[in-house]
Amino acid sequence: TQMGSKVVSDFLERRDLESAVFVIKYLSEEEKVLALLEVAYWLVLHDKKGLGNSLVEEAFRMVVERKLQPDDDSLRDIAFKFLKIGQIKDALTIAAIITNKEIASQVFARIALAYARKGDKLKAVTVAEAISNENVKKEILKAIEGDEDVGHQ
């Protein structure tokens, strides 16, 4: 269930970081990853970018080392939140742990477009090449190459 990370999000909305962190201790491993990402997002929003970035890295390490599978829909939602605030690298780190190829394709597509909008065509193309859904990949590469409608997706 996503109940645990929801409780953490609720505490964060009330700016109660202490309670949010306290609750994390009692969550399942998968829930813990999602909750850490929520805390990381909150920290970045509150001018603690370095700390937020290191929590994203920590969540990534937990998934890889312990072979965890957090909920892909939740990971996508968190990745999109990071993208909205311009944290492309964090979104990319989160995208890398999404196991569902379709969901991962959606996230990589948005990341590629975000890089294209920033004018970083090389990174945009590199990320687009990682999209496993061939139709999405073609569409995104076309958008990047032509720069037409980049971001009007």
N, C-alpha and C. Protein backbone atom coordinates (compact mmCIF):
# COMPACT_ATOMS: atom_id res chain seq x y z
N THR A 1 0.84 -1.20 0.00
CA THR A 1 0.00 0.00 0.00
C THR A 1 0.87 1.25 0.00
N GLN A 2 0.28 2.35 -0.41
CA GLN A 2 0.99 3.62 -0.40
C GLN A 2 0.59 4.45 0.81
N MET A 3 -0.05 3.81 1.79
CA MET A 3 -0.53 4.55 2.96
C MET A 3 0.61 5.23 3.71
N GLY A 4 1.71 4.52 3.89
CA GLY A 4 2.83 5.06 4.65
C GLY A 4 3.38 6.34 4.07
N SER A 5 3.65 6.33 2.76
CA SER A 5 4.21 7.53 2.15
C SER A 5 3.17 8.65 2.11
N LYS A 6 1.89 8.29 2.11
CA LYS A 6 0.81 9.29 2.17
C LYS A 6 0.85 10.00 3.54
N VAL A 7 1.03 9.24 4.59
CA VAL A 7 1.13 9.81 5.94
C VAL A 7 2.32 10.77 6.00
N VAL A 8 3.44 10.33 5.43
CA VAL A 8 4.64 11.17 5.40
C VAL A 8 4.36 12.47 4.64
N SER A 9 3.70 12.35 3.47
CA SER A 9 3.35 13.55 2.68
C SER A 9 2.48 14.51 3.47
N ASP A 10 1.52 13.94 4.21
CA ASP A 10 0.62 14.77 5.02
C ASP A 10 1.40 15.56 6.08
N PHE A 11 2.34 14.89 6.74
CA PHE A 11 3.17 15.59 7.74
C PHE A 11 3.99 16.70 7.07
N LEU A 12 4.53 16.40 5.89
CA LEU A 12 5.35 17.39 5.19
C LEU A 12 4.52 18.61 4.78
N GLU A 13 3.27 18.36 4.35
CA GLU A 13 2.39 19.47 3.99
C GLU A 13 2.16 20.39 5.18
N ARG A 14 2.20 19.81 6.37
CA ARG A 14 2.03 20.62 7.59
C ARG A 14 3.38 21.11 8.13
N ARG A 15 4.42 20.95 7.31
CA ARG A 15 5.78 21.38 7.65
C ARG A 15 6.33 20.69 8.90
N ASP A 16 5.87 19.47 9.14
CA ASP A 16 6.30 18.71 10.31
C ASP A 16 7.30 17.63 9.87
N LEU A 17 8.51 18.08 9.59
CA LEU A 17 9.56 17.18 9.10
C LEU A 17 9.90 16.10 10.13
N GLU A 18 9.92 16.48 11.40
CA GLU A 18 10.28 15.53 12.46
C GLU A 18 9.34 14.32 12.48
N SER A 19 8.04 14.57 12.45
CA SER A 19 7.07 13.47 12.45
C SER A 19 7.18 12.64 11.18
N ALA A 20 7.41 13.31 10.05
CA ALA A 20 7.55 12.60 8.77
C ALA A 20 8.71 11.62 8.85
N VAL A 21 9.84 12.08 9.34
CA VAL A 21 11.02 11.23 9.44
C VAL A 21 10.79 10.11 10.46
N PHE A 22 10.09 10.41 11.54
CA PHE A 22 9.78 9.40 12.57
C PHE A 22 8.96 8.26 11.97
N VAL A 23 7.95 8.59 11.19
CA VAL A 23 7.06 7.59 10.58
C VAL A 23 7.83 6.67 9.63
N ILE A 24 8.80 7.22 8.91
CA ILE A 24 9.55 6.46 7.91
C ILE A 24 10.16 5.19 8.51
N LYS A 25 10.61 5.28 9.75
CA LYS A 25 11.25 4.13 10.40
C LYS A 25 10.37 2.89 10.41
N TYR A 26 9.06 3.09 10.43
CA TYR A 26 8.13 1.97 10.60
C TYR A 26 7.52 1.48 9.29
N LEU A 27 7.99 2.00 8.19
CA LEU A 27 7.42 1.60 6.89
C LEU A 27 8.14 0.39 6.31
N SER A 28 7.46 -0.29 5.39
CA SER A 28 8.11 -1.38 4.65
C SER A 28 9.24 -0.77 3.82
N GLU A 29 10.14 -1.60 3.35
CA GLU A 29 11.29 -1.09 2.58
C GLU A 29 10.85 -0.29 1.35
N GLU A 30 9.86 -0.83 0.61
CA GLU A 30 9.38 -0.15 -0.60
C GLU A 30 8.77 1.20 -0.25
N GLU A 31 7.96 1.20 0.81
CA GLU A 31 7.31 2.44 1.26
C GLU A 31 8.35 3.46 1.72
N LYS A 32 9.39 2.94 2.37
CA LYS A 32 10.47 3.80 2.86
C LYS A 32 11.11 4.57 1.71
N VAL A 33 11.33 3.88 0.59
CA VAL A 33 11.93 4.52 -0.59
C VAL A 33 11.05 5.68 -1.07
N LEU A 34 9.75 5.41 -1.21
CA LEU A 34 8.82 6.45 -1.68
C LEU A 34 8.78 7.62 -0.69
N ALA A 35 8.76 7.29 0.59
CA ALA A 35 8.71 8.34 1.62
C ALA A 35 9.99 9.18 1.60
N LEU A 36 11.14 8.54 1.44
CA LEU A 36 12.41 9.28 1.35
C LEU A 36 12.39 10.24 0.17
N LEU A 37 11.82 9.79 -0.94
CA LEU A 37 11.74 10.65 -2.13
C LEU A 37 10.81 11.84 -1.88
N GLU A 38 9.72 11.60 -1.14
CA GLU A 38 8.82 12.71 -0.77
C GLU A 38 9.55 13.73 0.11
N VAL A 39 10.32 13.22 1.08
CA VAL A 39 11.09 14.10 1.97
C VAL A 39 12.14 14.86 1.14
N ALA A 40 12.79 14.16 0.21
CA ALA A 40 13.80 14.80 -0.64
C ALA A 40 13.19 15.96 -1.43
N TYR A 41 12.01 15.71 -1.99
CA TYR A 41 11.30 16.75 -2.76
C TYR A 41 11.00 17.95 -1.85
N TRP A 42 10.51 17.67 -0.66
CA TRP A 42 10.18 18.72 0.31
C TRP A 42 11.43 19.55 0.65
N LEU A 43 12.55 18.85 0.86
CA LEU A 43 13.80 19.54 1.20
C LEU A 43 14.25 20.46 0.06
N VAL A 44 14.17 19.98 -1.18
CA VAL A 44 14.56 20.80 -2.32
C VAL A 44 13.67 22.04 -2.40
N LEU A 45 12.37 21.84 -2.19
CA LEU A 45 11.42 22.98 -2.20
C LEU A 45 11.76 24.00 -1.12
N HIS A 46 12.33 23.53 -0.02
CA HIS A 46 12.63 24.42 1.11
C HIS A 46 14.12 24.76 1.20
N ASP A 47 14.72 24.96 0.03
CA ASP A 47 16.10 25.45 -0.07
C ASP A 47 17.14 24.56 0.60
N LYS A 48 16.90 23.27 0.59
CA LYS A 48 17.89 22.31 1.11
C LYS A 48 18.21 21.33 -0.03
N LYS A 49 18.60 21.92 -1.17
CA LYS A 49 18.80 21.14 -2.39
C LYS A 49 19.84 20.02 -2.21
N GLY A 50 20.96 20.35 -1.59
CA GLY A 50 22.03 19.36 -1.40
C GLY A 50 21.55 18.15 -0.63
N LEU A 51 20.84 18.41 0.45
CA LEU A 51 20.30 17.35 1.29
C LEU A 51 19.26 16.54 0.52
N GLY A 52 18.40 17.24 -0.21
CA GLY A 52 17.38 16.57 -1.02
C GLY A 52 18.00 15.66 -2.05
N ASN A 53 19.03 16.16 -2.75
CA ASN A 53 19.71 15.37 -3.77
C ASN A 53 20.34 14.12 -3.17
N SER A 54 20.93 14.25 -1.99
CA SER A 54 21.57 13.08 -1.39
C SER A 54 20.54 12.04 -0.94
N LEU A 55 19.34 12.49 -0.56
CA LEU A 55 18.28 11.53 -0.22
C LEU A 55 17.79 10.78 -1.45
N VAL A 56 17.72 11.46 -2.59
CA VAL A 56 17.33 10.79 -3.84
C VAL A 56 18.36 9.70 -4.15
N GLU A 57 19.64 10.04 -4.02
CA GLU A 57 20.70 9.06 -4.27
C GLU A 57 20.59 7.88 -3.31
N GLU A 58 20.29 8.17 -2.05
CA GLU A 58 20.14 7.12 -1.02
C GLU A 58 18.97 6.19 -1.36
N ALA A 59 17.85 6.76 -1.78
CA ALA A 59 16.68 5.96 -2.16
C ALA A 59 17.04 5.05 -3.34
N PHE A 60 17.77 5.61 -4.31
CA PHE A 60 18.22 4.84 -5.47
C PHE A 60 19.09 3.66 -5.02
N ARG A 61 20.05 3.94 -4.14
CA ARG A 61 20.94 2.90 -3.62
C ARG A 61 20.16 1.79 -2.92
N MET A 62 19.18 2.18 -2.12
CA MET A 62 18.36 1.19 -1.41
C MET A 62 17.67 0.25 -2.39
N VAL A 63 17.11 0.81 -3.45
CA VAL A 63 16.39 0.01 -4.44
C VAL A 63 17.33 -0.98 -5.12
N VAL A 64 18.50 -0.48 -5.53
CA VAL A 64 19.45 -1.31 -6.25
C VAL A 64 20.05 -2.39 -5.35
N GLU A 65 20.54 -2.00 -4.18
CA GLU A 65 21.21 -2.94 -3.29
C GLU A 65 20.27 -4.00 -2.72
N ARG A 66 19.05 -3.59 -2.39
CA ARG A 66 18.12 -4.53 -1.75
C ARG A 66 17.12 -5.12 -2.73
N LYS A 67 17.30 -4.79 -4.01
CA LYS A 67 16.42 -5.30 -5.06
C LYS A 67 14.94 -5.05 -4.73
N LEU A 68 14.65 -3.83 -4.35
CA LEU A 68 13.27 -3.46 -3.99
C LEU A 68 12.51 -3.05 -5.24
N GLN A 69 11.18 -3.09 -5.15
CA GLN A 69 10.34 -2.63 -6.25
C GLN A 69 9.24 -1.72 -5.73
N PRO A 70 9.58 -0.46 -5.51
CA PRO A 70 8.54 0.48 -5.07
C PRO A 70 7.48 0.61 -6.17
N ASP A 71 6.31 1.08 -5.81
CA ASP A 71 5.21 1.26 -6.76
C ASP A 71 5.61 2.21 -7.89
N ASP A 72 5.55 1.71 -9.13
CA ASP A 72 5.99 2.49 -10.29
C ASP A 72 5.15 3.75 -10.53
N ASP A 73 3.84 3.66 -10.29
CA ASP A 73 2.99 4.84 -10.47
C ASP A 73 3.41 5.95 -9.50
N SER A 74 3.71 5.54 -8.26
CA SER A 74 4.15 6.52 -7.26
C SER A 74 5.50 7.12 -7.64
N LEU A 75 6.41 6.27 -8.14
CA LEU A 75 7.72 6.77 -8.58
C LEU A 75 7.55 7.77 -9.72
N ARG A 76 6.66 7.45 -10.67
CA ARG A 76 6.41 8.37 -11.79
C ARG A 76 5.91 9.72 -11.27
N ASP A 77 4.94 9.66 -10.35
CA ASP A 77 4.37 10.90 -9.81
C ASP A 77 5.44 11.76 -9.12
N ILE A 78 6.31 11.10 -8.36
CA ILE A 78 7.37 11.84 -7.66
C ILE A 78 8.38 12.41 -8.68
N ALA A 79 8.71 11.61 -9.69
CA ALA A 79 9.64 12.09 -10.72
C ALA A 79 9.07 13.33 -11.41
N PHE A 80 7.77 13.31 -11.70
CA PHE A 80 7.12 14.46 -12.34
C PHE A 80 7.15 15.69 -11.43
N LYS A 81 7.00 15.47 -10.11
CA LYS A 81 7.08 16.59 -9.16
C LYS A 81 8.47 17.24 -9.21
N PHE A 82 9.50 16.39 -9.26
CA PHE A 82 10.87 16.92 -9.35
C PHE A 82 11.07 17.67 -10.67
N LEU A 83 10.51 17.14 -11.76
CA LEU A 83 10.63 17.82 -13.06
C LEU A 83 9.99 19.20 -13.03
N LYS A 84 8.83 19.29 -12.39
CA LYS A 84 8.10 20.57 -12.33
C LYS A 84 8.93 21.67 -11.68
N ILE A 85 9.82 21.29 -10.77
CA ILE A 85 10.64 22.31 -10.09
C ILE A 85 12.06 22.37 -10.68
N GLY A 86 12.23 21.77 -11.87
CA GLY A 86 13.50 21.89 -12.57
C GLY A 86 14.60 20.95 -12.11
N GLN A 87 14.25 19.97 -11.30
CA GLN A 87 15.26 19.02 -10.81
C GLN A 87 15.34 17.82 -11.75
N ILE A 88 15.90 18.05 -12.94
CA ILE A 88 15.91 17.02 -13.98
C ILE A 88 16.75 15.81 -13.56
N LYS A 89 17.90 16.07 -12.95
CA LYS A 89 18.80 14.98 -12.56
C LYS A 89 18.13 14.05 -11.54
N ASP A 90 17.42 14.62 -10.58
CA ASP A 90 16.70 13.80 -9.60
C ASP A 90 15.61 12.98 -10.28
N ALA A 91 14.88 13.60 -11.21
CA ALA A 91 13.84 12.88 -11.95
C ALA A 91 14.44 11.72 -12.72
N LEU A 92 15.62 11.94 -13.29
CA LEU A 92 16.31 10.90 -14.06
C LEU A 92 16.72 9.74 -13.16
N THR A 93 17.22 10.06 -11.98
CA THR A 93 17.60 9.02 -11.01
C THR A 93 16.39 8.18 -10.63
N ILE A 94 15.26 8.84 -10.41
CA ILE A 94 14.03 8.13 -10.05
C ILE A 94 13.54 7.29 -11.22
N ALA A 95 13.60 7.84 -12.43
CA ALA A 95 13.16 7.11 -13.63
C ALA A 95 13.93 5.81 -13.79
N ALA A 96 15.19 5.83 -13.40
CA ALA A 96 16.05 4.66 -13.58
C ALA A 96 15.62 3.47 -12.72
N ILE A 97 14.80 3.69 -11.69
CA ILE A 97 14.37 2.57 -10.85
C ILE A 97 12.94 2.12 -11.14
N ILE A 98 12.33 2.71 -12.17
CA ILE A 98 10.98 2.30 -12.55
C ILE A 98 11.09 1.03 -13.39
N THR A 99 10.38 -0.03 -12.98
CA THR A 99 10.51 -1.31 -13.68
C THR A 99 9.53 -1.46 -14.84
N ASN A 100 8.36 -0.84 -14.75
CA ASN A 100 7.36 -0.93 -15.82
C ASN A 100 7.84 -0.09 -17.01
N LYS A 101 8.05 -0.76 -18.15
CA LYS A 101 8.63 -0.08 -19.32
C LYS A 101 7.76 1.06 -19.85
N GLU A 102 6.44 0.91 -19.81
CA GLU A 102 5.55 1.97 -20.30
C GLU A 102 5.62 3.21 -19.41
N ILE A 103 5.58 2.96 -18.09
CA ILE A 103 5.65 4.08 -17.15
C ILE A 103 7.02 4.77 -17.26
N ALA A 104 8.07 3.96 -17.35
CA ALA A 104 9.42 4.51 -17.50
C ALA A 104 9.51 5.34 -18.78
N SER A 105 8.89 4.86 -19.86
CA SER A 105 8.91 5.60 -21.13
C SER A 105 8.28 6.98 -20.98
N GLN A 106 7.16 7.05 -20.24
CA GLN A 106 6.50 8.34 -20.01
C GLN A 106 7.44 9.32 -19.31
N VAL A 107 8.14 8.80 -18.29
CA VAL A 107 9.02 9.66 -17.50
C VAL A 107 10.24 10.09 -18.31
N PHE A 108 10.87 9.13 -19.00
CA PHE A 108 12.03 9.47 -19.83
C PHE A 108 11.65 10.48 -20.92
N ALA A 109 10.43 10.35 -21.47
CA ALA A 109 9.96 11.28 -22.50
C ALA A 109 9.92 12.70 -21.94
N ARG A 110 9.32 12.86 -20.76
CA ARG A 110 9.23 14.20 -20.16
C ARG A 110 10.61 14.76 -19.82
N ILE A 111 11.50 13.87 -19.37
CA ILE A 111 12.86 14.30 -19.02
C ILE A 111 13.59 14.78 -20.28
N ALA A 112 13.47 14.01 -21.36
CA ALA A 112 14.11 14.38 -22.62
C ALA A 112 13.61 15.75 -23.09
N LEU A 113 12.30 15.96 -22.99
CA LEU A 113 11.72 17.25 -23.39
C LEU A 113 12.21 18.39 -22.48
N ALA A 114 12.37 18.09 -21.20
CA ALA A 114 12.87 19.10 -20.26
C ALA A 114 14.29 19.52 -20.63
N TYR A 115 15.13 18.54 -20.97
CA TYR A 115 16.50 18.87 -21.41
C TYR A 115 16.47 19.68 -22.71
N ALA A 116 15.58 19.30 -23.62
CA ALA A 116 15.47 20.02 -24.90
C ALA A 116 15.07 21.47 -24.66
N ARG A 117 14.11 21.67 -23.76
CA ARG A 117 13.67 23.04 -23.44
C ARG A 117 14.80 23.87 -22.86
N LYS A 118 15.69 23.20 -22.11
CA LYS A 118 16.84 23.91 -21.52
C LYS A 118 17.92 24.18 -22.56
N GLY A 119 17.74 23.63 -23.76
CA GLY A 119 18.74 23.82 -24.81
C GLY A 119 19.84 22.78 -24.80
N ASP A 120 19.71 21.75 -23.98
CA ASP A 120 20.71 20.70 -23.91
C ASP A 120 20.27 19.52 -24.80
N LYS A 121 20.49 19.71 -26.10
CA LYS A 121 20.02 18.73 -27.09
C LYS A 121 20.68 17.37 -26.91
N LEU A 122 21.97 17.36 -26.61
CA LEU A 122 22.70 16.10 -26.47
C LEU A 122 22.10 15.24 -25.35
N LYS A 123 21.87 15.85 -24.18
CA LYS A 123 21.27 15.10 -23.07
C LYS A 123 19.85 14.68 -23.44
N ALA A 124 19.12 15.56 -24.12
CA ALA A 124 17.74 15.25 -24.53
C ALA A 124 17.72 14.00 -25.40
N VAL A 125 18.60 13.95 -26.39
CA VAL A 125 18.66 12.81 -27.31
C VAL A 125 19.10 11.55 -26.57
N THR A 126 20.09 11.69 -25.70
CA THR A 126 20.59 10.55 -24.93
C THR A 126 19.48 9.93 -24.10
N VAL A 127 18.70 10.76 -23.42
CA VAL A 127 17.58 10.27 -22.61
C VAL A 127 16.50 9.67 -23.51
N ALA A 128 16.21 10.34 -24.61
CA ALA A 128 15.18 9.84 -25.54
C ALA A 128 15.55 8.45 -26.05
N GLU A 129 16.83 8.21 -26.29
CA GLU A 129 17.28 6.90 -26.77
C GLU A 129 17.00 5.80 -25.75
N ALA A 130 16.86 6.17 -24.48
CA ALA A 130 16.60 5.18 -23.42
C ALA A 130 15.12 4.79 -23.34
N ILE A 131 14.27 5.46 -24.12
CA ILE A 131 12.83 5.16 -24.09
C ILE A 131 12.59 3.83 -24.78
N SER A 132 11.97 2.88 -24.07
CA SER A 132 11.78 1.55 -24.64
C SER A 132 10.57 1.47 -25.57
N ASN A 133 9.58 2.33 -25.37
CA ASN A 133 8.43 2.35 -26.26
C ASN A 133 8.86 3.06 -27.55
N GLU A 134 8.96 2.29 -28.64
CA GLU A 134 9.49 2.83 -29.90
C GLU A 134 8.69 4.00 -30.45
N ASN A 135 7.35 3.95 -30.31
CA ASN A 135 6.52 5.05 -30.81
C ASN A 135 6.79 6.34 -30.05
N VAL A 136 6.87 6.22 -28.73
CA VAL A 136 7.16 7.38 -27.89
C VAL A 136 8.55 7.91 -28.23
N LYS A 137 9.52 6.99 -28.37
CA LYS A 137 10.89 7.39 -28.68
C LYS A 137 10.94 8.20 -29.98
N LYS A 138 10.28 7.67 -31.03
CA LYS A 138 10.27 8.36 -32.33
C LYS A 138 9.68 9.76 -32.22
N GLU A 139 8.55 9.84 -31.53
CA GLU A 139 7.85 11.11 -31.36
C GLU A 139 8.73 12.14 -30.63
N ILE A 140 9.37 11.69 -29.56
CA ILE A 140 10.22 12.58 -28.76
C ILE A 140 11.46 13.01 -29.55
N LEU A 141 12.09 12.06 -30.23
CA LEU A 141 13.27 12.41 -31.03
C LEU A 141 12.91 13.42 -32.12
N LYS A 142 11.74 13.23 -32.73
CA LYS A 142 11.27 14.16 -33.76
C LYS A 142 11.07 15.55 -33.16
N ALA A 143 10.47 15.59 -31.98
CA ALA A 143 10.23 16.87 -31.30
C ALA A 143 11.56 17.56 -30.96
N ILE A 144 12.54 16.77 -30.52
CA ILE A 144 13.84 17.33 -30.14
C ILE A 144 14.56 17.85 -31.39
N GLU A 145 14.58 17.04 -32.43
CA GLU A 145 15.29 17.42 -33.66
C GLU A 145 14.68 18.67 -34.27
N GLY A 146 13.34 18.73 -34.29
CA GLY A 146 12.69 19.86 -34.92
C GLY A 146 12.45 20.99 -33.95
N ASP A 147 12.61 20.69 -32.66
CA ASP A 147 12.31 21.65 -31.60
C ASP A 147 10.89 22.19 -31.70
N GLU A 148 10.06 21.57 -32.57
CA GLU A 148 8.70 22.07 -32.69
C GLU A 148 7.87 21.46 -31.57
N ASP A 149 7.05 22.28 -31.00
CA ASP A 149 6.12 21.84 -29.96
C ASP A 149 6.80 21.14 -28.79
N VAL A 150 8.06 21.45 -28.54
CA VAL A 150 8.72 20.83 -27.39
C VAL A 150 8.00 21.31 -26.13
N GLY A 151 7.44 20.34 -25.42
CA GLY A 151 6.76 20.69 -24.19
C GLY A 151 5.26 20.81 -24.35
N HIS A 152 4.75 20.73 -25.55
CA HIS A 152 3.30 20.77 -25.74
C HIS A 152 2.82 19.35 -25.97
N GLN A 153 2.96 18.54 -24.94
CA GLN A 153 2.72 17.12 -25.07
C GLN A 153 1.46 16.73 -24.36
